[in-house]
């Protein structure tokens, strides 16, 4: 048990919280502030040294200075039913103002010189409520029709029969439909001319023209619908 009260201010003071998921390294910062007028040496120890990486795990804090310690939890298979028993201890001692060799300071210290503070590790996973809040925020966000440069995208223009261009397209469609009918009649007449005409490739030319005409009609009708 420490004989002296801890002189440095530790933040957080009691719990080291690690937020999952724990499929990657999770880092939590531990701040050590020295409010005294003397140098303080520190060491950070843990009951599970293989599970954590601590940088720096020891050092010296000047009077009035603050040191940030990064505690990195290594990836592992998290079991929410298993309560964490991992703990950390921040151990400190006063150092002479002229001290430069920390190993010597720790070596010369007696158990009564040590000041200890213990923290427990807490593992947290994102709650379902947080996930739902993210979804609701996404749904509540207004959806704007805009271009990549931030300008408003043009609204689709509805087709109108009073539009001159639309009338022109309709007339063109009617003309093409008439041509298709005329080509169909010619095709039937050519088929009736005899076996010789039907055996030659020229007998299939009107059919090809019908297909081409149908393609043009589909093109103009597609433009009309869009």
Foldseek 3Di string as FASTA:
>chain_A
DELDADQKDKVVQAEFEFEDPQQAKTKTKIKTFHQDQFKKKKAKDKPCVVQWDKVPRIDIAHHGGMDIIIIIGGGDDDDPVDFFPMKMKMKMFTDHRPDDDVVVVVVPDDRNRIHMGMYGYHYHYDDPVVVVVVVVVVVPDDDAQADPVGHHDDDDDDDDPVDPVLVVLVVVLVVLVVVLVVLVVVLVVQVPPDDVSVPDPVSCVSVVVNVVSVVVNVVSVVVRVD
